[in-house]
Amino acid sequence: MNVGCESVASSLAHPRDCRLIRLLAFATQGGGGGEEARMRALLDNFDVDVFPFDRKARLRTFIRLLAAMRRCDHQLIVMEGSGVAGGAALLLGHLLFAASYVISSGDAIAPFLAARFPLLAPIVSLYERLLCREAAGFIGWTPYLTGRAIGFGSPRAMTAAGWAPFRYTPYELAERRAEIRSKLGIPADALVVGIAGSLAWTRRAGYAYGLELVEAIRRCRRPGACVLIVGDGDGRKRLERLADHELGRRIMFAGGVPRDKVPHYLAAMDIASLPQSVDRVGSVRYSTKLSEYLAVGLPVVTGRLPMAYDLDEGWIWRLPGKAPWDDRYIDALAEFIARVDAHDLISKRSAALSRMREFDRDRQVQRATAFISDVVADKAAAKRNF
């Protein structure tokens, strides 16, 4: 089954050769989600069997995944995500069957899990280190996560930041902008700062996406300014109560919309809010919405994150504060909305429309193809030399 691996690794001129490499892949988010779609795209040049990961039946999934690894009819296993059920299966399969695996993750695993389960912090820290150390390679959604994995012992690593799953012409965006603003009753000349995402309420922080916008617009008296929040979740009702008499006037909720309609609502905005905490979780992430904001030419207002400096090509505003629920951040956001001028907005929007090579789908697929091919080739060489 290892025939052709080294020739693939030495040249990407013939991606059809990658069909000689057979992979088992799964996304811990579950089947049919965005992470599985990302995984399928990155591995598009290979012969891939996608394992149906069921988050609602983790134990059964764990056992079935181990059984698939035991058969040893794949040259490599690829896991998208960092779920413990999937990761534990990989570690056990590696120990029992010498199964080789690659992880792709968009989160700092231990800090992310420890924030949800503080008492388990030592265990999840060990889990992340073992998962990276025993892996054949790591694909990070950001270079910060890639470096983190290398520091934990991953022998190889690369970065694939993601991409927007759509493309629109400027004319199409202008049409969608007018259509959605008319539907929501937003004046054509209004300044709209918005966000799209899951409105899940985080009890520990007392926060859901969009809270920073609701609070900021209530502290800002700029005429013609409003916020648009796209998404749904258990935090929506809390945000609507907080909006009070501004609901439907300067604070608009679009609710959950079909995935293919999300860019239409993004086009109705002038500025996107990218709320992330400046800590061990938020500082190493790119929001999955970042590439989508750029794809419709939306400049971004965010915190003083590493990303906000490293990626800034003229389309980012940075605000002080440790987190989007921090009063200092919200006050700065309110002042920003009050003061941002048309000239600055046009300049930032022009920079956003130029897009970035980091979020180019084809380039990321090409790099992932080379990376996986090299991992498989090295594995085959190691077996021959053993």
Protein backbone atom coordinates (compact mmCIF):
# COMPACT_ATOMS: atom_id res chain seq x y z
CA MET A 1 0.00 0.00 0.00
CA ASN A 2 3.02 2.32 0.26
CA VAL A 3 3.85 2.28 -3.46
CA GLY A 4 4.18 5.74 -4.95
CA CYS A 5 4.46 7.70 -1.67
CA GLU A 6 7.99 8.98 -2.23
CA SER A 7 7.32 10.01 -5.83
CA VAL A 8 4.29 11.93 -4.63
CA ALA A 9 6.31 13.64 -1.93
CA SER A 10 9.01 14.71 -4.36
CA SER A 11 6.65 16.41 -6.81
CA LEU A 12 3.16 17.84 -6.88
CA ALA A 13 3.17 18.00 -10.68
CA HIS A 14 1.05 14.85 -10.75
CA PRO A 15 -1.55 15.09 -7.94
CA ARG A 16 -3.29 12.06 -9.44
CA ASP A 17 -0.46 10.00 -7.90
CA CYS A 18 -1.85 10.91 -4.47
CA ARG A 19 -4.74 8.54 -5.18
CA LEU A 20 -2.25 5.79 -4.33
CA ILE A 21 -2.33 7.04 -0.74
CA ARG A 22 -5.31 5.82 1.24
CA LEU A 23 -6.40 7.78 4.30
CA LEU A 24 -8.94 7.35 7.07
CA ALA A 25 -10.32 10.73 8.16
CA PHE A 26 -12.89 12.04 10.59
CA ALA A 27 -14.03 15.31 12.18
CA THR A 28 -14.79 15.29 15.90
CA GLN A 29 -17.42 17.99 15.34
CA GLY A 30 -19.48 15.32 13.62
CA GLY A 31 -20.56 14.53 10.10
CA GLY A 32 -21.93 17.22 7.81
CA GLY A 33 -20.37 20.17 9.66
CA GLY A 34 -17.96 22.87 8.57
CA GLU A 35 -14.94 21.05 9.99
CA GLU A 36 -15.69 17.91 8.01
CA ALA A 37 -16.06 20.04 4.86
CA ARG A 38 -12.67 21.64 5.55
CA MET A 39 -11.09 18.22 6.08
CA ARG A 40 -12.56 16.80 2.86
CA ALA A 41 -11.25 19.78 0.90
CA LEU A 42 -7.72 19.62 2.33
CA LEU A 43 -7.55 15.90 1.51
CA ASP A 44 -9.25 16.20 -1.86
CA ASN A 45 -6.28 14.77 -3.81
CA PHE A 46 -6.14 11.54 -1.81
CA ASP A 47 -8.16 8.32 -1.61
CA VAL A 48 -10.07 9.08 1.60
CA ASP A 49 -12.47 7.00 3.66
CA VAL A 50 -14.45 9.40 5.85
CA PHE A 51 -15.34 7.84 9.20
CA PRO A 52 -18.85 8.86 10.39
CA PHE A 53 -18.04 10.38 13.78
CA ASP A 54 -21.13 10.53 16.01
CA ARG A 55 -20.78 13.03 18.86
CA LYS A 56 -24.00 11.78 20.46
CA ALA A 57 -22.61 8.27 20.86
CA ARG A 58 -19.00 8.91 21.79
CA LEU A 59 -18.29 5.53 23.42
CA ARG A 60 -19.69 3.57 20.48
CA THR A 61 -17.83 5.83 18.08
CA PHE A 62 -14.61 5.34 20.06
CA ILE A 63 -14.93 1.54 19.79
CA ARG A 64 -15.77 1.62 16.08
CA LEU A 65 -12.86 3.94 15.38
CA LEU A 66 -10.45 1.60 17.19
CA ALA A 67 -11.77 -1.30 15.12
CA ALA A 68 -11.13 0.66 11.92
CA MET A 69 -7.55 1.39 13.03
CA ARG A 70 -6.96 -2.26 13.92
CA ARG A 71 -7.64 -3.34 10.32
CA CYS A 72 -4.54 -1.34 9.27
CA ASP A 73 -5.75 -0.85 5.69
CA HIS A 74 -4.99 2.89 5.70
CA GLN A 75 -1.58 4.52 5.49
CA LEU A 76 -2.53 7.44 7.72
CA ILE A 77 -5.39 8.69 9.86
CA VAL A 78 -6.37 12.37 9.86
CA MET A 79 -8.43 13.89 12.67
CA GLU A 80 -10.01 17.31 12.25
CA GLY A 81 -10.75 18.81 15.65
CA SER A 82 -9.54 18.10 19.16
CA GLY A 83 -12.37 16.13 20.78
CA VAL A 84 -11.26 13.76 23.54
CA ALA A 85 -13.14 10.72 22.18
CA GLY A 86 -11.36 10.97 18.84
CA GLY A 87 -8.00 11.89 20.33
CA ALA A 88 -8.09 9.08 22.91
CA ALA A 89 -8.87 6.58 20.14
CA LEU A 90 -5.88 7.83 18.16
CA LEU A 91 -3.55 7.51 21.14
CA LEU A 92 -4.75 4.00 21.96
CA GLY A 93 -4.67 2.94 18.30
CA HIS A 94 -1.13 4.25 18.02
CA LEU A 95 -0.09 2.30 21.11
CA LEU A 96 -1.84 -0.98 20.21
CA PHE A 97 -1.66 -1.06 16.41
CA ALA A 98 1.15 1.44 15.58
CA ALA A 99 -1.42 3.53 13.71
CA SER A 100 0.01 6.80 12.41
CA TYR A 101 -2.08 9.94 12.59
CA VAL A 102 -2.14 13.66 11.81
CA ILE A 103 -4.19 16.19 13.78
CA SER A 104 -5.74 19.37 12.40
CA SER A 105 -6.98 21.81 15.05
CA GLY A 106 -8.16 25.39 15.38
CA ASP A 107 -7.87 25.58 19.18
CA ALA A 108 -5.24 25.43 21.88
CA ILE A 109 -6.61 22.15 23.17
CA ALA A 110 -5.68 22.22 26.86
CA PRO A 111 -6.61 25.89 27.58
CA PHE A 112 -9.86 25.48 25.64
CA LEU A 113 -10.92 22.35 27.54
CA ALA A 114 -9.60 23.64 30.89
CA ALA A 115 -11.76 26.77 30.52
CA ARG A 116 -14.81 24.48 30.37
CA PHE A 117 -13.61 21.95 32.95
CA PRO A 118 -11.19 23.73 35.32
CA LEU A 119 -10.72 20.73 37.63
CA LEU A 120 -9.45 18.67 34.71
CA ALA A 121 -6.72 21.15 33.72
CA PRO A 122 -3.74 18.82 34.55
CA ILE A 123 -5.34 15.91 32.67
CA VAL A 124 -6.21 17.86 29.52
CA SER A 125 -2.74 19.41 29.52
CA LEU A 126 -1.20 15.94 29.49
CA TYR A 127 -3.70 14.87 26.82
CA GLU A 128 -2.68 17.69 24.48
CA ARG A 129 1.04 17.05 24.94
CA LEU A 130 0.69 13.32 24.30
CA LEU A 131 -1.57 13.87 21.29
CA CYS A 132 0.97 16.19 19.65
CA ARG A 133 4.06 14.22 20.65
CA GLU A 134 2.78 10.89 19.28
CA ALA A 135 1.35 12.39 16.09
CA ALA A 136 3.09 12.00 12.74
CA GLY A 137 2.20 15.63 12.03
CA PHE A 138 0.01 18.60 12.94
CA ILE A 139 -1.99 21.01 10.78
CA GLY A 140 -2.78 24.22 12.66
CA TRP A 141 -5.45 26.69 11.67
CA THR A 142 -2.98 29.41 12.72
CA PRO A 143 0.83 29.58 12.85
CA TYR A 144 0.55 30.04 16.62
CA LEU A 145 -1.15 26.67 17.01
CA THR A 146 1.40 25.11 14.66
CA GLY A 147 4.25 26.42 16.80
CA ARG A 148 2.50 25.20 19.93
CA ALA A 149 2.29 21.67 18.52
CA ILE A 150 5.97 21.70 17.59
CA GLY A 151 6.81 22.78 21.14
CA PHE A 152 4.87 19.78 22.41
CA GLY A 153 6.92 17.42 20.25
CA SER A 154 5.03 17.11 16.97
CA PRO A 155 7.74 16.06 14.45
CA ARG A 156 6.19 17.95 11.52
CA ALA A 157 3.68 20.77 11.22
CA MET A 158 2.11 23.19 8.78
CA THR A 159 -0.59 25.88 8.76
CA ALA A 160 -3.90 25.91 6.86
CA ALA A 161 -5.95 28.91 7.93
CA GLY A 162 -9.22 28.10 6.15
CA TRP A 163 -11.16 29.90 3.45
CA ALA A 164 -14.55 31.35 2.59
CA PRO A 165 -16.86 28.78 0.93
CA PHE A 166 -18.29 31.36 -1.48
CA ARG A 167 -17.40 34.07 -4.00
CA TYR A 168 -19.39 37.09 -5.10
CA THR A 169 -18.72 39.87 -7.58
CA PRO A 170 -18.87 43.49 -6.33
CA TYR A 171 -22.13 43.90 -8.25
CA GLU A 172 -23.67 40.84 -6.54
CA LEU A 173 -22.55 42.10 -3.14
CA ALA A 174 -24.14 45.50 -3.79
CA GLU A 175 -27.42 43.78 -4.72
CA ARG A 176 -27.39 41.59 -1.58
CA ARG A 177 -26.56 44.63 0.55
CA ALA A 178 -29.55 46.59 -0.72
CA GLU A 179 -31.85 43.56 -0.47
CA ILE A 180 -31.02 42.72 3.17
CA ARG A 181 -31.03 46.33 4.35
CA SER A 182 -34.45 46.80 2.81
CA LYS A 183 -35.70 43.58 4.41
CA LEU A 184 -34.48 44.61 7.88
CA GLY A 185 -35.48 48.27 7.57
CA ILE A 186 -31.90 49.57 7.70
CA PRO A 187 -31.36 52.87 5.82
CA ALA A 188 -29.00 52.69 2.86
CA ASP A 189 -26.69 55.31 4.43
CA ALA A 190 -26.61 53.81 7.95
CA LEU A 191 -23.32 52.72 9.52
CA VAL A 192 -23.76 49.03 10.34
CA VAL A 193 -21.36 47.16 12.60
CA GLY A 194 -22.20 43.48 12.71
CA ILE A 195 -21.30 39.93 13.60
CA ALA A 196 -22.29 36.43 12.48
CA GLY A 197 -21.97 33.33 14.63
CA SER A 198 -23.51 31.08 17.23
CA LEU A 199 -25.11 33.05 20.07
CA ALA A 200 -24.33 30.45 22.72
CA TRP A 201 -24.32 31.90 26.24
CA THR A 202 -21.08 31.37 28.19
CA ARG A 203 -22.03 31.42 31.86
CA ARG A 204 -18.45 31.74 33.14
CA ALA A 205 -17.87 34.99 31.25
CA GLY A 206 -21.50 36.12 31.10
CA TYR A 207 -21.11 36.52 27.36
CA ALA A 208 -22.44 35.60 23.93
CA TYR A 209 -21.24 36.84 20.55
CA GLY A 210 -22.75 40.25 19.91
CA LEU A 211 -22.95 41.36 23.55
CA GLU A 212 -20.09 43.80 22.96
CA LEU A 213 -22.06 45.36 20.09
CA VAL A 214 -25.31 45.66 22.05
CA GLU A 215 -23.51 47.28 24.99
CA ALA A 216 -21.44 49.57 22.78
CA ILE A 217 -24.31 50.91 20.66
CA ARG A 218 -26.30 51.68 23.82
CA ARG A 219 -23.37 53.83 24.99
CA CYS A 220 -23.01 55.56 21.62
CA ARG A 221 -25.23 58.41 20.46
CA ARG A 222 -24.05 58.60 16.85
CA PRO A 223 -27.05 59.19 14.55
CA GLY A 224 -27.47 56.59 11.85
CA ALA A 225 -25.35 53.93 13.55
CA CYS A 226 -26.73 50.47 14.29
CA VAL A 227 -25.63 46.89 14.87
CA LEU A 228 -26.68 43.71 13.09
CA ILE A 229 -26.35 40.32 14.79
CA VAL A 230 -26.73 37.21 12.62
CA GLY A 231 -27.14 33.85 14.35
CA ASP A 232 -29.11 32.08 17.03
CA GLY A 233 -28.61 30.32 20.33
CA ASP A 234 -29.53 30.45 23.99
CA GLY A 235 -27.80 33.81 24.34
CA ARG A 236 -30.10 35.57 21.91
CA LYS A 237 -32.93 36.20 24.37
CA ARG A 238 -30.47 37.65 26.88
CA LEU A 239 -29.10 40.01 24.25
CA GLU A 240 -32.59 41.03 23.17
CA ARG A 241 -33.51 41.86 26.77
CA LEU A 242 -30.33 43.88 27.05
CA ALA A 243 -31.20 45.74 23.84
CA ASP A 244 -34.41 46.96 25.51
CA HIS A 245 -36.09 49.78 23.60
CA GLU A 246 -33.32 49.83 20.95
CA LEU A 247 -34.42 46.40 19.71
CA GLY A 248 -35.50 46.69 16.08
CA ARG A 249 -34.33 50.29 15.94
CA ARG A 250 -30.56 50.45 16.38
CA ILE A 251 -30.07 46.79 17.33
CA MET A 252 -31.16 44.26 14.71
CA PHE A 253 -31.30 40.48 15.13
CA ALA A 254 -31.49 38.47 11.92
CA GLY A 255 -31.74 35.14 13.76
CA GLY A 256 -30.45 31.92 12.28
CA VAL A 257 -30.20 32.04 8.49
CA PRO A 258 -29.36 29.29 5.96
CA ARG A 259 -25.62 28.80 5.49
CA ASP A 260 -25.70 29.95 1.87
CA LYS A 261 -27.51 33.16 2.86
CA VAL A 262 -24.99 34.27 5.51
CA PRO A 263 -22.80 36.22 3.03
CA HIS A 264 -25.89 38.21 1.98
CA TYR A 265 -26.20 39.50 5.55
CA LEU A 266 -22.47 40.12 5.79
CA ALA A 267 -22.74 42.27 2.66
CA ALA A 268 -25.29 44.45 4.49
CA MET A 269 -22.65 45.37 7.09
CA ASP A 270 -19.93 48.03 6.93
CA ILE A 271 -17.68 46.69 9.68
CA ALA A 272 -17.39 43.24 11.26
CA SER A 273 -16.83 42.69 14.96
CA LEU A 274 -14.28 39.96 15.73
CA PRO A 275 -14.51 39.46 19.50
CA GLN A 276 -11.75 37.29 20.98
CA SER A 277 -10.18 37.27 24.41
CA VAL A 278 -6.52 38.21 24.67
CA ASP A 279 -5.50 35.06 26.55
CA ARG A 280 -4.23 31.52 25.97
CA VAL A 281 -7.43 30.59 24.12
CA GLY A 282 -8.27 33.65 22.04
CA SER A 283 -4.76 34.85 21.25
CA VAL A 284 -3.84 31.77 19.21
CA ARG A 285 -7.03 31.55 17.13
CA TYR A 286 -8.34 32.97 13.88
CA SER A 287 -12.11 33.20 13.89
CA THR A 288 -13.63 30.86 11.30
CA LYS A 289 -15.60 33.89 10.11
CA LEU A 290 -12.49 35.95 9.35
CA SER A 291 -12.03 34.61 5.83
CA GLU A 292 -15.74 35.15 5.15
CA TYR A 293 -15.61 38.75 6.34
CA LEU A 294 -12.70 39.42 4.01
CA ALA A 295 -14.42 37.66 1.11
CA VAL A 296 -17.19 40.29 1.16
CA GLY A 297 -14.76 43.16 1.78
CA LEU A 298 -15.58 43.73 5.43
CA PRO A 299 -12.91 45.46 7.53
CA VAL A 300 -12.63 44.15 11.07
CA VAL A 301 -12.61 45.69 14.55
CA THR A 302 -11.04 43.44 17.17
CA GLY A 303 -8.79 43.32 20.22
CA ARG A 304 -5.03 43.58 20.43
CA LEU A 305 -4.48 40.00 19.37
CA PRO A 306 -1.36 38.62 17.65
CA MET A 307 -3.48 38.09 14.53
CA ALA A 308 -4.49 41.76 14.54
CA TYR A 309 -0.85 42.72 14.02
CA ASP A 310 0.40 39.81 11.92
CA LEU A 311 -2.40 39.90 9.33
CA ASP A 312 -3.01 43.63 9.26
CA GLU A 313 -2.74 44.91 5.70
CA GLY A 314 -4.84 47.97 6.36
CA TRP A 315 -8.23 46.37 7.17
CA ILE A 316 -8.08 46.06 10.97
CA TRP A 317 -8.90 48.38 13.86
CA ARG A 318 -7.48 47.29 17.23
CA LEU A 319 -9.10 48.10 20.55
CA PRO A 320 -7.74 47.84 24.12
CA GLY A 321 -9.16 45.44 26.69
CA LYS A 322 -8.57 41.85 27.75
CA ALA A 323 -11.83 40.43 26.41
CA PRO A 324 -14.96 41.50 24.49
CA TRP A 325 -16.94 41.46 27.75
CA ASP A 326 -14.41 43.77 29.40
CA ASP A 327 -15.78 47.29 30.09
CA ARG A 328 -12.60 48.82 28.74
CA TYR A 329 -13.10 47.03 25.42
CA ILE A 330 -16.81 47.93 25.24
CA ASP A 331 -16.13 51.61 26.00
CA ALA A 332 -13.44 51.66 23.30
CA LEU A 333 -15.86 50.03 20.85
CA ALA A 334 -18.55 52.62 21.62
CA GLU A 335 -16.06 55.43 21.05
CA PHE A 336 -14.88 53.78 17.84
CA ILE A 337 -18.44 53.58 16.45
CA ALA A 338 -18.98 57.22 17.37
CA ARG A 339 -15.81 58.44 15.67
CA VAL A 340 -15.05 56.22 12.65
CA ASP A 341 -15.23 58.35 9.51
CA ALA A 342 -16.12 57.62 5.91
CA HIS A 343 -12.58 58.13 4.61
CA ASP A 344 -11.13 55.59 7.03
CA LEU A 345 -13.94 53.15 6.29
CA ILE A 346 -13.40 53.37 2.52
CA SER A 347 -9.66 52.85 2.95
CA LYS A 348 -10.12 49.83 5.20
CA ARG A 349 -12.78 48.31 2.96
CA SER A 350 -10.52 48.64 -0.07
CA ALA A 351 -7.76 46.79 1.80
CA ALA A 352 -10.19 44.05 2.85
CA LEU A 353 -11.39 43.54 -0.72
CA SER A 354 -7.84 42.76 -1.82
CA ARG A 355 -8.12 39.58 0.29
CA MET A 356 -5.16 37.62 1.56
CA ARG A 357 -3.18 34.72 0.20
CA GLU A 358 -3.36 33.05 3.63
CA PHE A 359 -7.06 32.39 2.99
CA ASP A 360 -6.72 31.06 -0.55
CA ARG A 361 -8.30 27.61 -0.75
CA ASP A 362 -6.26 26.20 -3.62
CA ARG A 363 -2.93 27.16 -2.06
CA GLN A 364 -3.88 25.51 1.23
CA VAL A 365 -5.02 22.31 -0.49
CA GLN A 366 -1.76 22.19 -2.42
CA ARG A 367 0.32 22.63 0.73
CA ALA A 368 -1.71 20.03 2.63
CA THR A 369 -1.25 17.59 -0.26
CA ALA A 370 2.53 18.02 -0.08
CA PHE A 371 2.53 17.73 3.71
CA ILE A 372 0.46 14.53 3.91
CA SER A 373 2.42 12.99 1.04
CA ASP A 374 5.71 13.66 2.81
CA VAL A 375 4.42 12.25 6.11
CA VAL A 376 3.36 9.02 4.36
CA ALA A 377 6.65 8.80 2.44
CA ASP A 378 8.69 9.21 5.63
CA LYS A 379 6.61 6.52 7.31
CA ALA A 380 7.26 4.12 4.43
CA ALA A 381 10.99 4.88 4.51
CA ALA A 382 11.14 4.28 8.25
CA LYS A 383 9.50 0.86 7.82
CA ARG A 384 12.03 -0.13 5.17
CA ASN A 385 14.94 0.93 7.36
CA PHE A 386 13.60 -0.81 10.45
